[in-house]
Full PDB file with SEQRES, HELIX, SHEET, SSBOND, CRYST1, ORIGX, SCALE, CONECT and MASTER records, all heavy atoms in Angstrom:
SEQRES   1 A   43  GLY VAL VAL PRO SER PRO ILE ALA ASP GLY VAL LEU ARG          
SEQRES   2 A   43  TRP THR VAL HIS THR VAL PRO ALA PRO VAL PRO PRO ALA          
SEQRES   3 A   43  GLU TYR VAL PRO LEU ALA GLU ALA GLU HIS GLU LEU ARG          
SEQRES   4 A   43  ALA GLN VAL ARG                                              
HELIX    1 AA1 LEU A   31  VAL A   42  1                                  12    
SHEET    1 AA1 2 VAL A   2  ALA A   8  0                                        
SHEET    2 AA1 2 VAL A  11  VAL A  16 -1                                        
CRYST1    1.000    1.000    1.000  90.00  90.00  90.00 P 1           1          
ORIGX1      1.000000  0.000000  0.000000        0.00000                         
ORIGX2      0.000000  1.000000  0.000000        0.00000                         
ORIGX3      0.000000  0.000000  1.000000        0.00000                         
SCALE1      1.000000  0.000000  0.000000        0.00000                         
SCALE2      0.000000  1.000000  0.000000        0.00000                         
SCALE3      0.000000  0.000000  1.000000        0.00000                         
ATOM      1  N   GLY A   1     -13.671   6.093  -9.038  1.00  0.00           N  
ATOM      2  CA  GLY A   1     -14.144   6.262  -7.680  1.00  0.00           C  
ATOM      3  C   GLY A   1     -14.099   4.936  -6.942  1.00  0.00           C  
ATOM      4  O   GLY A   1     -14.510   3.909  -7.587  1.00  0.00           O  
ATOM      5  N   VAL A   2     -13.862   4.897  -5.684  1.00  0.00           N  
ATOM      6  CA  VAL A   2     -13.771   3.656  -4.910  1.00  0.00           C  
ATOM      7  C   VAL A   2     -14.655   3.728  -3.654  1.00  0.00           C  
ATOM      8  O   VAL A   2     -14.537   4.723  -2.991  1.00  0.00           O  
ATOM      9  CB  VAL A   2     -12.300   3.330  -4.508  1.00  0.00           C  
ATOM     10  CG1 VAL A   2     -12.221   1.862  -3.864  1.00  0.00           C  
ATOM     11  CG2 VAL A   2     -11.354   3.346  -5.777  1.00  0.00           C  
ATOM     12  N   VAL A   3     -15.436   2.776  -3.434  1.00  0.00           N  
ATOM     13  CA  VAL A   3     -16.280   2.819  -2.266  1.00  0.00           C  
ATOM     14  C   VAL A   3     -16.195   1.436  -1.522  1.00  0.00           C  
ATOM     15  O   VAL A   3     -16.332   0.372  -2.101  1.00  0.00           O  
ATOM     16  CB  VAL A   3     -17.834   2.942  -2.751  1.00  0.00           C  
ATOM     17  CG1 VAL A   3     -18.785   2.870  -1.460  1.00  0.00           C  
ATOM     18  CG2 VAL A   3     -17.944   4.158  -3.455  1.00  0.00           C  
ATOM     19  N   PRO A   4     -15.853   1.532  -0.217  1.00  0.00           N  
ATOM     20  CA  PRO A   4     -15.831   0.309   0.605  1.00  0.00           C  
ATOM     21  C   PRO A   4     -17.141  -0.094   1.186  1.00  0.00           C  
ATOM     22  O   PRO A   4     -17.956   0.786   1.547  1.00  0.00           O  
ATOM     23  CB  PRO A   4     -14.848   0.682   1.727  1.00  0.00           C  
ATOM     24  CG  PRO A   4     -15.066   2.241   1.904  1.00  0.00           C  
ATOM     25  CD  PRO A   4     -15.517   2.738   0.619  1.00  0.00           C  
ATOM     26  N   SER A   5     -17.321  -1.327   1.426  1.00  0.00           N  
ATOM     27  CA  SER A   5     -18.570  -1.789   2.086  1.00  0.00           C  
ATOM     28  C   SER A   5     -18.334  -3.096   2.638  1.00  0.00           C  
ATOM     29  O   SER A   5     -17.739  -3.979   2.078  1.00  0.00           O  
ATOM     30  CB  SER A   5     -19.803  -1.854   1.073  1.00  0.00           C  
ATOM     31  OG  SER A   5     -19.470  -2.675   0.053  1.00  0.00           O  
ATOM     32  N   PRO A   6     -18.765  -3.369   3.922  1.00  0.00           N  
ATOM     33  CA  PRO A   6     -18.567  -4.582   4.609  1.00  0.00           C  
ATOM     34  C   PRO A   6     -19.657  -5.619   3.983  1.00  0.00           C  
ATOM     35  O   PRO A   6     -20.786  -5.361   3.760  1.00  0.00           O  
ATOM     36  CB  PRO A   6     -18.903  -4.310   6.071  1.00  0.00           C  
ATOM     37  CG  PRO A   6     -19.766  -3.109   6.054  1.00  0.00           C  
ATOM     38  CD  PRO A   6     -19.386  -2.300   4.740  1.00  0.00           C  
ATOM     39  N   ILE A   7     -19.065  -6.782   3.635  1.00  0.00           N  
ATOM     40  CA  ILE A   7     -19.968  -7.789   2.920  1.00  0.00           C  
ATOM     41  C   ILE A   7     -20.051  -9.041   3.818  1.00  0.00           C  
ATOM     42  O   ILE A   7     -20.951  -9.860   3.480  1.00  0.00           O  
ATOM     43  CB  ILE A   7     -19.412  -8.124   1.538  1.00  0.00           C  
ATOM     44  CG1 ILE A   7     -17.980  -8.698   1.671  1.00  0.00           C  
ATOM     45  CG2 ILE A   7     -19.463  -6.972   0.595  1.00  0.00           C  
ATOM     46  CD1 ILE A   7     -17.584  -9.408   0.336  1.00  0.00           C  
ATOM     47  N   ALA A   8     -19.275  -9.205   4.760  1.00  0.00           N  
ATOM     48  CA  ALA A   8     -19.264 -10.303   5.662  1.00  0.00           C  
ATOM     49  C   ALA A   8     -18.522  -9.990   6.919  1.00  0.00           C  
ATOM     50  O   ALA A   8     -17.704  -8.919   6.916  1.00  0.00           O  
ATOM     51  CB  ALA A   8     -18.757 -11.589   5.069  1.00  0.00           C  
ATOM     52  N   ASP A   9     -18.555 -10.658   7.944  1.00  0.00           N  
ATOM     53  CA  ASP A   9     -17.790 -10.412   9.125  1.00  0.00           C  
ATOM     54  C   ASP A   9     -16.241 -10.543   8.836  1.00  0.00           C  
ATOM     55  O   ASP A   9     -15.733 -11.579   8.379  1.00  0.00           O  
ATOM     56  CB  ASP A   9     -18.110 -11.551  10.188  1.00  0.00           C  
ATOM     57  CG  ASP A   9     -17.440 -11.236  11.549  1.00  0.00           C  
ATOM     58  OD1 ASP A   9     -17.180  -9.996  11.819  1.00  0.00           O  
ATOM     59  OD2 ASP A   9     -17.182 -12.219  12.350  1.00  0.00           O  
ATOM     60  N   GLY A  10     -15.596  -9.350   8.988  1.00  0.00           N  
ATOM     61  CA  GLY A  10     -14.118  -9.313   8.755  1.00  0.00           C  
ATOM     62  C   GLY A  10     -13.838  -9.172   7.300  1.00  0.00           C  
ATOM     63  O   GLY A  10     -12.506  -9.323   6.947  1.00  0.00           O  
ATOM     64  N   VAL A  11     -14.688  -8.970   6.430  1.00  0.00           N  
ATOM     65  CA  VAL A  11     -14.434  -8.685   5.029  1.00  0.00           C  
ATOM     66  C   VAL A  11     -14.943  -7.374   4.495  1.00  0.00           C  
ATOM     67  O   VAL A  11     -16.064  -7.096   4.677  1.00  0.00           O  
ATOM     68  CB  VAL A  11     -15.023  -9.858   4.177  1.00  0.00           C  
ATOM     69  CG1 VAL A  11     -14.687  -9.684   2.522  1.00  0.00           C  
ATOM     70  CG2 VAL A  11     -14.567 -11.206   4.598  1.00  0.00           C  
ATOM     71  N   LEU A  12     -14.028  -6.609   3.930  1.00  0.00           N  
ATOM     72  CA  LEU A  12     -14.458  -5.299   3.458  1.00  0.00           C  
ATOM     73  C   LEU A  12     -14.143  -5.357   1.873  1.00  0.00           C  
ATOM     74  O   LEU A  12     -13.042  -5.673   1.441  1.00  0.00           O  
ATOM     75  CB  LEU A  12     -13.539  -4.226   3.974  1.00  0.00           C  
ATOM     76  CG  LEU A  12     -13.975  -2.735   3.724  1.00  0.00           C  
ATOM     77  CD1 LEU A  12     -15.378  -2.521   4.399  1.00  0.00           C  
ATOM     78  CD2 LEU A  12     -12.943  -1.775   4.335  1.00  0.00           C  
ATOM     79  N   ARG A  13     -15.195  -5.001   1.136  1.00  0.00           N  
ATOM     80  CA  ARG A  13     -15.191  -4.935  -0.371  1.00  0.00           C  
ATOM     81  C   ARG A  13     -14.902  -3.543  -0.824  1.00  0.00           C  
ATOM     82  O   ARG A  13     -15.709  -2.734  -0.473  1.00  0.00           O  
ATOM     83  CB  ARG A  13     -16.308  -5.604  -0.934  1.00  0.00           C  
ATOM     84  CG  ARG A  13     -16.342  -5.512  -2.445  1.00  0.00           C  
ATOM     85  CD  ARG A  13     -17.365  -6.500  -3.041  1.00  0.00           C  
ATOM     86  NE  ARG A  13     -16.888  -7.835  -2.895  1.00  0.00           N  
ATOM     87  CZ  ARG A  13     -17.556  -8.905  -3.261  1.00  0.00           C  
ATOM     88  NH1 ARG A  13     -18.813  -8.805  -3.609  1.00  0.00           N  
ATOM     89  NH2 ARG A  13     -17.098 -10.125  -2.893  1.00  0.00           N  
ATOM     90  N   TRP A  14     -14.007  -3.341  -1.715  1.00  0.00           N  
ATOM     91  CA  TRP A  14     -13.752  -2.053  -2.453  1.00  0.00           C  
ATOM     92  C   TRP A  14     -14.324  -2.172  -3.888  1.00  0.00           C  
ATOM     93  O   TRP A  14     -13.586  -2.996  -4.682  1.00  0.00           O  
ATOM     94  CB  TRP A  14     -12.282  -1.763  -2.354  1.00  0.00           C  
ATOM     95  CG  TRP A  14     -11.792  -1.551  -0.953  1.00  0.00           C  
ATOM     96  CD1 TRP A  14     -11.463  -2.580  -0.110  1.00  0.00           C  
ATOM     97  CD2 TRP A  14     -11.615  -0.408  -0.241  1.00  0.00           C  
ATOM     98  NE1 TRP A  14     -10.932  -2.068   1.061  1.00  0.00           N  
ATOM     99  CE2 TRP A  14     -11.112  -0.746   1.044  1.00  0.00           C  
ATOM    100  CE3 TRP A  14     -11.859   0.911  -0.473  1.00  0.00           C  
ATOM    101  CZ2 TRP A  14     -10.789   0.209   2.051  1.00  0.00           C  
ATOM    102  CZ3 TRP A  14     -11.447   1.880   0.543  1.00  0.00           C  
ATOM    103  CH2 TRP A  14     -11.006   1.466   1.764  1.00  0.00           C  
ATOM    104  N   THR A  15     -15.388  -1.471  -4.156  1.00  0.00           N  
ATOM    105  CA  THR A  15     -15.875  -1.455  -5.509  1.00  0.00           C  
ATOM    106  C   THR A  15     -15.433  -0.216  -6.252  1.00  0.00           C  
ATOM    107  O   THR A  15     -15.553   0.963  -5.810  1.00  0.00           O  
ATOM    108  CB  THR A  15     -17.341  -1.521  -5.437  1.00  0.00           C  
ATOM    109  OG1 THR A  15     -17.896  -2.715  -4.646  1.00  0.00           O  
ATOM    110  CG2 THR A  15     -17.971  -1.567  -6.818  1.00  0.00           C  
ATOM    111  N   VAL A  16     -14.883  -0.505  -7.471  1.00  0.00           N  
ATOM    112  CA  VAL A  16     -14.317   0.560  -8.314  1.00  0.00           C  
ATOM    113  C   VAL A  16     -15.267   0.973  -9.381  1.00  0.00           C  
ATOM    114  O   VAL A  16     -15.834   0.172 -10.035  1.00  0.00           O  
ATOM    115  CB  VAL A  16     -13.021   0.148  -8.946  1.00  0.00           C  
ATOM    116  CG1 VAL A  16     -12.362   1.137  -9.704  1.00  0.00           C  
ATOM    117  CG2 VAL A  16     -12.051  -0.410  -7.897  1.00  0.00           C  
ATOM    118  N   HIS A  17     -15.485   2.277  -9.430  1.00  0.00           N  
ATOM    119  CA  HIS A  17     -16.492   2.791 -10.421  1.00  0.00           C  
ATOM    120  C   HIS A  17     -15.733   3.783 -11.360  1.00  0.00           C  
ATOM    121  O   HIS A  17     -14.780   4.426 -11.113  1.00  0.00           O  
ATOM    122  CB  HIS A  17     -17.524   3.675  -9.675  1.00  0.00           C  
ATOM    123  CG  HIS A  17     -18.314   2.874  -8.667  1.00  0.00           C  
ATOM    124  ND1 HIS A  17     -19.550   2.407  -8.818  1.00  0.00           N  
ATOM    125  CD2 HIS A  17     -17.929   2.498  -7.334  1.00  0.00           C  
ATOM    126  CE1 HIS A  17     -19.956   1.803  -7.795  1.00  0.00           C  
ATOM    127  NE2 HIS A  17     -19.024   1.852  -6.877  1.00  0.00           N  
ATOM    128  N   THR A  18     -16.245   3.709 -12.636  1.00  0.00           N  
ATOM    129  CA  THR A  18     -15.810   4.809 -13.576  1.00  0.00           C  
ATOM    130  C   THR A  18     -16.610   6.141 -13.289  1.00  0.00           C  
ATOM    131  O   THR A  18     -17.777   5.989 -13.173  1.00  0.00           O  
ATOM    132  CB  THR A  18     -16.063   4.381 -15.085  1.00  0.00           C  
ATOM    133  OG1 THR A  18     -15.265   3.190 -15.270  1.00  0.00           O  
ATOM    134  CG2 THR A  18     -15.656   5.450 -15.991  1.00  0.00           C  
ATOM    135  N   VAL A  19     -15.875   7.164 -13.272  1.00  0.00           N  
ATOM    136  CA  VAL A  19     -16.456   8.536 -13.065  1.00  0.00           C  
ATOM    137  C   VAL A  19     -16.315   9.336 -14.265  1.00  0.00           C  
ATOM    138  O   VAL A  19     -15.221   9.738 -14.736  1.00  0.00           O  
ATOM    139  CB  VAL A  19     -15.741   9.226 -11.819  1.00  0.00           C  
ATOM    140  CG1 VAL A  19     -16.411  10.637 -11.651  1.00  0.00           C  
ATOM    141  CG2 VAL A  19     -15.984   8.394 -10.628  1.00  0.00           C  
ATOM    142  N   PRO A  20     -17.430   9.713 -14.871  1.00  0.00           N  
ATOM    143  CA  PRO A  20     -17.312  10.519 -16.262  1.00  0.00           C  
ATOM    144  C   PRO A  20     -16.823  11.863 -16.037  1.00  0.00           C  
ATOM    145  O   PRO A  20     -17.125  12.445 -14.987  1.00  0.00           O  
ATOM    146  CB  PRO A  20     -18.788  10.411 -16.730  1.00  0.00           C  
ATOM    147  CG  PRO A  20     -19.638  10.182 -15.635  1.00  0.00           C  
ATOM    148  CD  PRO A  20     -18.789   9.369 -14.635  1.00  0.00           C  
ATOM    149  N   ALA A  21     -16.078  12.396 -16.997  1.00  0.00           N  
ATOM    150  CA  ALA A  21     -15.653  13.798 -16.930  1.00  0.00           C  
ATOM    151  C   ALA A  21     -16.752  14.649 -17.317  1.00  0.00           C  
ATOM    152  O   ALA A  21     -17.661  14.259 -18.111  1.00  0.00           O  
ATOM    153  CB  ALA A  21     -14.339  13.873 -17.772  1.00  0.00           C  
ATOM    154  N   PRO A  22     -16.729  15.914 -17.012  1.00  0.00           N  
ATOM    155  CA  PRO A  22     -15.694  16.546 -16.100  1.00  0.00           C  
ATOM    156  C   PRO A  22     -16.106  16.397 -14.577  1.00  0.00           C  
ATOM    157  O   PRO A  22     -17.228  16.230 -14.387  1.00  0.00           O  
ATOM    158  CB  PRO A  22     -15.820  18.149 -16.560  1.00  0.00           C  
ATOM    159  CG  PRO A  22     -17.286  18.212 -16.874  1.00  0.00           C  
ATOM    160  CD  PRO A  22     -17.641  16.941 -17.625  1.00  0.00           C  
ATOM    161  N   VAL A  23     -15.054  16.367 -13.843  1.00  0.00           N  
ATOM    162  CA  VAL A  23     -15.286  16.155 -12.391  1.00  0.00           C  
ATOM    163  C   VAL A  23     -15.140  17.504 -11.733  1.00  0.00           C  
ATOM    164  O   VAL A  23     -14.036  18.229 -12.006  1.00  0.00           O  
ATOM    165  CB  VAL A  23     -14.270  15.167 -11.749  1.00  0.00           C  
ATOM    166  CG1 VAL A  23     -14.458  15.216 -10.137  1.00  0.00           C  
ATOM    167  CG2 VAL A  23     -14.500  13.806 -12.297  1.00  0.00           C  
ATOM    168  N   PRO A  24     -16.078  17.983 -11.094  1.00  0.00           N  
ATOM    169  CA  PRO A  24     -15.910  19.408 -10.378  1.00  0.00           C  
ATOM    170  C   PRO A  24     -14.710  19.447  -9.400  1.00  0.00           C  
ATOM    171  O   PRO A  24     -14.455  18.443  -8.823  1.00  0.00           O  
ATOM    172  CB  PRO A  24     -17.216  19.712  -9.745  1.00  0.00           C  
ATOM    173  CG  PRO A  24     -17.783  18.192  -9.482  1.00  0.00           C  
ATOM    174  CD  PRO A  24     -17.389  17.464 -10.565  1.00  0.00           C  
ATOM    175  N   PRO A  25     -14.053  20.553  -9.399  1.00  0.00           N  
ATOM    176  CA  PRO A  25     -12.993  20.693  -8.362  1.00  0.00           C  
ATOM    177  C   PRO A  25     -13.382  20.464  -6.964  1.00  0.00           C  
ATOM    178  O   PRO A  25     -14.606  20.719  -6.666  1.00  0.00           O  
ATOM    179  CB  PRO A  25     -12.457  22.118  -8.631  1.00  0.00           C  
ATOM    180  CG  PRO A  25     -13.610  22.812  -9.224  1.00  0.00           C  
ATOM    181  CD  PRO A  25     -14.314  21.819  -9.986  1.00  0.00           C  
ATOM    182  N   ALA A  26     -12.456  20.066  -6.102  1.00  0.00           N  
ATOM    183  CA  ALA A  26     -12.774  19.799  -4.811  1.00  0.00           C  
ATOM    184  C   ALA A  26     -12.998  21.046  -4.057  1.00  0.00           C  
ATOM    185  O   ALA A  26     -12.331  22.120  -4.359  1.00  0.00           O  
ATOM    186  CB  ALA A  26     -11.635  19.041  -4.062  1.00  0.00           C  
ATOM    187  N   GLU A  27     -13.873  21.084  -3.068  1.00  0.00           N  
ATOM    188  CA  GLU A  27     -14.066  22.154  -2.188  1.00  0.00           C  
ATOM    189  C   GLU A  27     -12.857  22.395  -1.323  1.00  0.00           C  
ATOM    190  O   GLU A  27     -12.462  21.411  -0.637  1.00  0.00           O  
ATOM    191  CB  GLU A  27     -15.448  22.106  -1.352  1.00  0.00           C  
ATOM    192  CG  GLU A  27     -15.586  23.189  -0.402  1.00  0.00           C  
ATOM    193  CD  GLU A  27     -16.746  22.865   0.650  1.00  0.00           C  
ATOM    194  OE1 GLU A  27     -16.738  21.690   1.154  1.00  0.00           O  
ATOM    195  OE2 GLU A  27     -17.556  23.756   0.842  1.00  0.00           O  
ATOM    196  N   TYR A  28     -12.352  23.621  -1.157  1.00  0.00           N  
ATOM    197  CA  TYR A  28     -11.241  23.852  -0.402  1.00  0.00           C  
ATOM    198  C   TYR A  28     -11.629  24.450   0.886  1.00  0.00           C  
ATOM    199  O   TYR A  28     -12.273  25.632   0.905  1.00  0.00           O  
ATOM    200  CB  TYR A  28     -10.200  24.778  -1.039  1.00  0.00           C  
ATOM    201  CG  TYR A  28      -9.040  25.046  -0.084  1.00  0.00           C  
ATOM    202  CD1 TYR A  28      -8.108  24.168   0.340  1.00  0.00           C  
ATOM    203  CD2 TYR A  28      -8.833  26.373   0.252  1.00  0.00           C  
ATOM    204  CE1 TYR A  28      -7.132  24.543   1.281  1.00  0.00           C  
ATOM    205  CE2 TYR A  28      -7.759  26.769   1.068  1.00  0.00           C  
ATOM    206  CZ  TYR A  28      -6.937  25.710   1.637  1.00  0.00           C  
ATOM    207  OH  TYR A  28      -5.899  26.111   2.539  1.00  0.00           O  
ATOM    208  N   VAL A  29     -11.379  23.877   2.041  1.00  0.00           N  
ATOM    209  CA  VAL A  29     -11.701  24.407   3.319  1.00  0.00           C  
ATOM    210  C   VAL A  29     -10.269  24.403   4.152  1.00  0.00           C  
ATOM    211  O   VAL A  29      -9.792  23.316   4.411  1.00  0.00           O  
ATOM    212  CB  VAL A  29     -12.685  23.532   4.039  1.00  0.00           C  
ATOM    213  CG1 VAL A  29     -12.829  24.132   5.506  1.00  0.00           C  
ATOM    214  CG2 VAL A  29     -14.087  23.588   3.353  1.00  0.00           C  
ATOM    215  N   PRO A  30      -9.800  25.592   4.459  1.00  0.00           N  
ATOM    216  CA  PRO A  30      -8.489  25.619   5.193  1.00  0.00           C  
ATOM    217  C   PRO A  30      -8.710  24.813   6.477  1.00  0.00           C  
ATOM    218  O   PRO A  30      -9.745  24.807   7.179  1.00  0.00           O  
ATOM    219  CB  PRO A  30      -8.375  27.163   5.562  1.00  0.00           C  
ATOM    220  CG  PRO A  30      -9.119  27.737   4.408  1.00  0.00           C  
ATOM    221  CD  PRO A  30     -10.272  26.954   4.180  1.00  0.00           C  
ATOM    222  N   LEU A  31      -7.618  24.078   6.859  1.00  0.00           N  
ATOM    223  CA  LEU A  31      -7.740  23.201   7.941  1.00  0.00           C  
ATOM    224  C   LEU A  31      -7.985  23.986   9.358  1.00  0.00           C  
ATOM    225  O   LEU A  31      -8.678  23.531  10.108  1.00  0.00           O  
ATOM    226  CB  LEU A  31      -6.505  22.358   8.033  1.00  0.00           C  
ATOM    227  CG  LEU A  31      -6.436  21.273   9.076  1.00  0.00           C  
ATOM    228  CD1 LEU A  31      -7.676  20.357   8.987  1.00  0.00           C  
ATOM    229  CD2 LEU A  31      -5.100  20.452   8.993  1.00  0.00           C  
ATOM    230  N   ALA A  32      -7.332  25.136   9.288  1.00  0.00           N  
ATOM    231  CA  ALA A  32      -7.496  25.937  10.622  1.00  0.00           C  
ATOM    232  C   ALA A  32      -8.894  26.306  10.769  1.00  0.00           C  
ATOM    233  O   ALA A  32      -9.610  26.383  11.821  1.00  0.00           O  
ATOM    234  CB  ALA A  32      -6.601  27.173  10.475  1.00  0.00           C  
ATOM    235  N   GLU A  33      -9.500  26.640   9.613  1.00  0.00           N  
ATOM    236  CA  GLU A  33     -10.983  27.108   9.551  1.00  0.00           C  
ATOM    237  C   GLU A  33     -11.843  25.881   9.965  1.00  0.00           C  
ATOM    238  O   GLU A  33     -12.796  26.148  10.809  1.00  0.00           O  
ATOM    239  CB  GLU A  33     -11.416  27.548   8.164  1.00  0.00           C  
ATOM    240  CG  GLU A  33     -12.829  28.025   8.098  1.00  0.00           C  
ATOM    241  CD  GLU A  33     -13.218  28.517   6.598  1.00  0.00           C  
ATOM    242  OE1 GLU A  33     -12.391  29.148   6.094  1.00  0.00           O  
ATOM    243  OE2 GLU A  33     -14.215  27.979   6.111  1.00  0.00           O  
ATOM    244  N   ALA A  34     -11.628  24.702   9.451  1.00  0.00           N  
ATOM    245  CA  ALA A  34     -12.361  23.611   9.821  1.00  0.00           C  
ATOM    246  C   ALA A  34     -12.260  23.152  11.321  1.00  0.00           C  
ATOM    247  O   ALA A  34     -13.226  22.874  11.957  1.00  0.00           O  
ATOM    248  CB  ALA A  34     -11.997  22.405   8.992  1.00  0.00           C  
ATOM    249  N   GLU A  35     -11.057  23.380  11.827  1.00  0.00           N  
ATOM    250  CA  GLU A  35     -10.803  23.154  13.330  1.00  0.00           C  
ATOM    251  C   GLU A  35     -11.576  24.018  14.131  1.00  0.00           C  
ATOM    252  O   GLU A  35     -12.160  23.651  15.083  1.00  0.00           O  
ATOM    253  CB  GLU A  35      -9.287  22.981  13.582  1.00  0.00           C  
ATOM    254  CG  GLU A  35      -9.060  22.709  14.968  1.00  0.00           C  
ATOM    255  CD  GLU A  35      -7.562  22.717  15.249  1.00  0.00           C  
ATOM    256  OE1 GLU A  35      -6.797  23.412  14.560  1.00  0.00           O  
ATOM    257  OE2 GLU A  35      -7.006  21.978  16.143  1.00  0.00           O  
ATOM    258  N   HIS A  36     -11.478  25.226  13.716  1.00  0.00           N  
ATOM    259  CA  HIS A  36     -12.237  26.371  14.541  1.00  0.00           C  
ATOM    260  C   HIS A  36     -13.669  26.074  14.585  1.00  0.00           C  
ATOM    261  O   HIS A  36     -14.276  26.168  15.543  1.00  0.00           O  
ATOM    262  CB  HIS A  36     -11.859  27.722  13.885  1.00  0.00           C  
ATOM    263  CG  HIS A  36     -12.536  28.817  14.607  1.00  0.00           C  
ATOM    264  ND1 HIS A  36     -13.763  29.281  14.302  1.00  0.00           N  
ATOM    265  CD2 HIS A  36     -12.230  29.558  15.772  1.00  0.00           C  
ATOM    266  CE1 HIS A  36     -14.236  30.293  15.079  1.00  0.00           C  
ATOM    267  NE2 HIS A  36     -13.174  30.440  16.092  1.00  0.00           N  
ATOM    268  N   GLU A  37     -14.227  25.762  13.415  1.00  0.00           N  
ATOM    269  CA  GLU A  37     -15.713  25.456  13.271  1.00  0.00           C  
ATOM    270  C   GLU A  37     -16.110  24.249  14.070  1.00  0.00           C  
ATOM    271  O   GLU A  37     -17.166  24.342  14.622  1.00  0.00           O  
ATOM    272  CB  GLU A  37     -16.050  25.334  11.796  1.00  0.00           C  
ATOM    273  CG  GLU A  37     -17.493  25.071  11.521  1.00  0.00           C  
ATOM    274  CD  GLU A  37     -18.425  26.196  11.933  1.00  0.00           C  
ATOM    275  OE1 GLU A  37     -17.860  27.398  12.045  1.00  0.00           O  
ATOM    276  OE2 GLU A  37     -19.661  26.010  11.953  1.00  0.00           O  
ATOM    277  N   LEU A  38     -15.321  23.218  14.081  1.00  0.00           N  
ATOM    278  CA  LEU A  38     -15.607  22.090  14.824  1.00  0.00           C  
ATOM    279  C   LEU A  38     -15.712  22.461  16.317  1.00  0.00           C  
ATOM    280  O   LEU A  38     -16.725  22.060  17.062  1.00  0.00           O  
ATOM    281  CB  LEU A  38     -14.573  20.950  14.666  1.00  0.00           C  
ATOM    282  CG  LEU A  38     -14.754  19.648  15.362  1.00  0.00           C  
ATOM    283  CD1 LEU A  38     -16.123  19.052  14.939  1.00  0.00           C  
ATOM    284  CD2 LEU A  38     -13.649  18.733  15.096  1.00  0.00           C  
ATOM    285  N   ARG A  39     -14.786  23.240  16.811  1.00  0.00           N  
ATOM    286  CA  ARG A  39     -14.825  23.565  18.218  1.00  0.00           C  
ATOM    287  C   ARG A  39     -15.897  24.488  18.527  1.00  0.00           C  
ATOM    288  O   ARG A  39     -16.627  24.378  19.563  1.00  0.00           O  
ATOM    289  CB  ARG A  39     -13.445  24.228  18.504  1.00  0.00           C  
ATOM    290  CG  ARG A  39     -12.270  23.318  18.600  1.00  0.00           C  
ATOM    291  CD  ARG A  39     -10.966  24.087  18.835  1.00  0.00           C  
ATOM    292  NE  ARG A  39      -9.932  23.210  19.025  1.00  0.00           N  
ATOM    293  CZ  ARG A  39      -8.662  23.668  19.203  1.00  0.00           C  
ATOM    294  NH1 ARG A  39      -8.414  24.895  19.309  1.00  0.00           N  
ATOM    295  NH2 ARG A  39      -7.647  22.595  19.320  1.00  0.00           N  
ATOM    296  N   ALA A  40     -16.211  25.430  17.587  1.00  0.00           N  
ATOM    297  CA  ALA A  40     -17.408  26.363  17.770  1.00  0.00           C  
ATOM    298  C   ALA A  40     -18.667  25.583  17.859  1.00  0.00           C  
ATOM    299  O   ALA A  40     -19.521  26.002  18.562  1.00  0.00           O  
ATOM    300  CB  ALA A  40     -17.344  27.360  16.598  1.00  0.00           C  
ATOM    301  N   GLN A  41     -18.861  24.588  17.016  1.00  0.00           N  
ATOM    302  CA  GLN A  41     -20.118  23.795  16.909  1.00  0.00           C  
ATOM    303  C   GLN A  41     -20.172  22.975  18.194  1.00  0.00           C  
ATOM    304  O   GLN A  41     -21.385  22.806  18.685  1.00  0.00           O  
ATOM    305  CB  GLN A  41     -20.109  22.930  15.600  1.00  0.00           C  
ATOM    306  CG  GLN A  41     -20.383  23.688  14.399  1.00  0.00           C  
ATOM    307  CD  GLN A  41     -21.739  24.465  14.453  1.00  0.00           C  
ATOM    308  OE1 GLN A  41     -22.662  24.001  15.168  1.00  0.00           O  
ATOM    309  NE2 GLN A  41     -21.842  25.510  13.630  1.00  0.00           N  
ATOM    310  N   VAL A  42     -19.156  22.505  18.719  1.00  0.00           N  
ATOM    311  CA  VAL A  42     -19.306  21.847  20.003  1.00  0.00           C  
ATOM    312  C   VAL A  42     -19.868  22.686  21.124  1.00  0.00           C  
ATOM    313  O   VAL A  42     -20.776  22.316  21.812  1.00  0.00           O  
ATOM    314  CB  VAL A  42     -17.884  21.151  20.494  1.00  0.00           C  
ATOM    315  CG1 VAL A  42     -17.968  20.674  21.914  1.00  0.00           C  
ATOM    316  CG2 VAL A  42     -17.560  20.046  19.582  1.00  0.00           C  
ATOM    317  N   ARG A  43     -19.278  23.947  21.205  1.00  0.00           N  
ATOM    318  CA  ARG A  43     -19.781  24.854  22.151  1.00  0.00           C  
ATOM    319  C   ARG A  43     -21.224  25.268  21.952  1.00  0.00           C  
ATOM    320  O   ARG A  43     -21.999  25.228  22.846  1.00  0.00           O  
ATOM    321  CB  ARG A  43     -18.893  26.118  22.205  1.00  0.00           C  
ATOM    322  CG  ARG A  43     -17.513  25.887  22.676  1.00  0.00           C  
ATOM    323  CD  ARG A  43     -16.696  27.264  22.975  1.00  0.00           C  
ATOM    324  NE  ARG A  43     -16.587  27.924  21.734  1.00  0.00           N  
ATOM    325  CZ  ARG A  43     -15.537  27.886  20.939  1.00  0.00           C  
ATOM    326  NH1 ARG A  43     -14.539  27.029  21.185  1.00  0.00           N  
ATOM    327  NH2 ARG A  43     -15.516  28.670  19.807  1.00  0.00           N  
TER     328      ARG A  43                                                      
MASTER        0    0    0    1    2    0    0    6  327    1    0    4          
END                                                                             
C-alpha cells in the first residue's frame, strides 16, 4: 500500500507499506450508479 503526504513546500513523500494477506476484495460500485447518486445527493 502506498500513501502520499506533503512533507515540505513542493515535496510529496510516498510511503510504502506491507499489507498482510488476505486483503478483502474491493467494493464494486457501477460507475453509472455512482454518477446518479452524486447528482441525486446534490439535489
